[in-house]
């Protein structure tokens, strides 16, 4: 959806702007996916450590 809106916003301008929109949207999507993966990964590790400590006690 963001690529579509970006293409509509910069359709009258140079192709360089359209390429910048594509790079920005794709890099933002990749960054948010990596950050989400990191947050989920860290939260599941904390839960499994708590479960192991509870089982050992």
C-alpha atoms as a PDB file:
ATOM      1  CA  UNK A   1       0.000   0.000   0.000  1.00  0.00           C
ATOM      2  CA  UNK A   2       2.822   2.408   0.802  1.00  0.00           C
ATOM      3  CA  UNK A   3       4.471   1.737  -2.543  1.00  0.00           C
ATOM      4  CA  UNK A   4       1.178   2.508  -4.284  1.00  0.00           C
ATOM      5  CA  UNK A   5       0.719   5.788  -2.420  1.00  0.00           C
ATOM      6  CA  UNK A   6       4.336   6.739  -3.029  1.00  0.00           C
ATOM      7  CA  UNK A   7       4.010   6.050  -6.728  1.00  0.00           C
ATOM      8  CA  UNK A   8       0.900   8.227  -6.896  1.00  0.00           C
ATOM      9  CA  UNK A   9       2.566  11.030  -4.958  1.00  0.00           C
ATOM     10  CA  UNK A  10       5.651  11.183  -7.157  1.00  0.00           C
ATOM     11  CA  UNK A  11       4.286  10.165 -10.557  1.00  0.00           C
ATOM     12  CA  UNK A  12       4.762  13.666 -12.010  1.00  0.00           C
ATOM     13  CA  UNK A  13       8.362  13.933 -10.841  1.00  0.00           C
ATOM     14  CA  UNK A  14      11.583  12.228 -11.848  1.00  0.00           C
ATOM     15  CA  UNK A  15      12.118   8.459 -11.622  1.00  0.00           C
ATOM     16  CA  UNK A  16      14.770   9.122  -8.986  1.00  0.00           C
ATOM     17  CA  UNK A  17      12.052  10.099  -6.502  1.00  0.00           C
ATOM     18  CA  UNK A  18      10.129   6.915  -7.195  1.00  0.00           C
ATOM     19  CA  UNK A  19      13.242   4.824  -6.624  1.00  0.00           C
ATOM     20  CA  UNK A  20      13.875   6.672  -3.349  1.00  0.00           C
ATOM     21  CA  UNK A  21      10.310   5.905  -2.230  1.00  0.00           C
ATOM     22  CA  UNK A  22      10.776   2.211  -3.021  1.00  0.00           C
ATOM     23  CA  UNK A  23      14.086   2.029  -1.150  1.00  0.00           C
ATOM     24  CA  UNK A  24      12.632   3.884   1.835  1.00  0.00           C
ATOM     25  CA  UNK A  25       9.525   1.718   2.085  1.00  0.00           C
ATOM     26  CA  UNK A  26      11.411  -1.548   1.659  1.00  0.00           C
ATOM     27  CA  UNK A  27      14.168  -0.631   4.116  1.00  0.00           C
ATOM     28  CA  UNK A  28      11.567   0.501   6.667  1.00  0.00           C
ATOM     29  CA  UNK A  29       9.684  -2.764   6.260  1.00  0.00           C
ATOM     30  CA  UNK A  30      12.834  -4.833   6.693  1.00  0.00           C
ATOM     31  CA  UNK A  31      13.892  -2.806   9.736  1.00  0.00           C
ATOM     32  CA  UNK A  32      10.498  -3.184  11.409  1.00  0.00           C
ATOM     33  CA  UNK A  33      10.459  -6.934  10.694  1.00  0.00           C
ATOM     34  CA  UNK A  34      13.906  -7.375  12.253  1.00  0.00           C
ATOM     35  CA  UNK A  35      12.979  -5.284  15.279  1.00  0.00           C
ATOM     36  CA  UNK A  36       9.756  -7.246  15.762  1.00  0.00           C
ATOM     37  CA  UNK A  37      11.624 -10.534  15.488  1.00  0.00           C
ATOM     38  CA  UNK A  38      14.170  -9.355  18.070  1.00  0.00           C
ATOM     39  CA  UNK A  39      11.475  -8.269  20.529  1.00  0.00           C
ATOM     40  CA  UNK A  40       9.544 -11.524  20.167  1.00  0.00           C
ATOM     41  CA  UNK A  41      12.744 -13.565  20.453  1.00  0.00           C
ATOM     42  CA  UNK A  42      13.816 -11.784  23.646  1.00  0.00           C
ATOM     43  CA  UNK A  43      10.381 -12.125  25.242  1.00  0.00           C
ATOM     44  CA  UNK A  44      10.189 -15.871  24.570  1.00  0.00           C
ATOM     45  CA  UNK A  45      13.665 -16.444  26.018  1.00  0.00           C
ATOM     46  CA  UNK A  46      12.672 -14.705  29.262  1.00  0.00           C
ATOM     47  CA  UNK A  47       9.551 -16.857  29.563  1.00  0.00           C
ATOM     48  CA  UNK A  48      11.421 -20.117  28.976  1.00  0.00           C
ATOM     49  CA  UNK A  49      14.078 -19.174  31.555  1.00  0.00           C
ATOM     50  CA  UNK A  50      11.361 -18.451  34.117  1.00  0.00           C
ATOM     51  CA  UNK A  51       9.739 -21.818  33.386  1.00  0.00           C
ATOM     52  CA  UNK A  52      13.038 -23.671  33.835  1.00  0.00           C
ATOM     53  CA  UNK A  53      13.739 -21.922  37.145  1.00  0.00           C
ATOM     54  CA  UNK A  54      10.219 -22.738  38.346  1.00  0.00           C
ATOM     55  CA  UNK A  55      10.610 -26.427  37.429  1.00  0.00           C
ATOM     56  CA  UNK A  56      13.989 -26.658  39.204  1.00  0.00           C
ATOM     57  CA  UNK A  57      12.654 -25.253  42.474  1.00  0.00           C
END
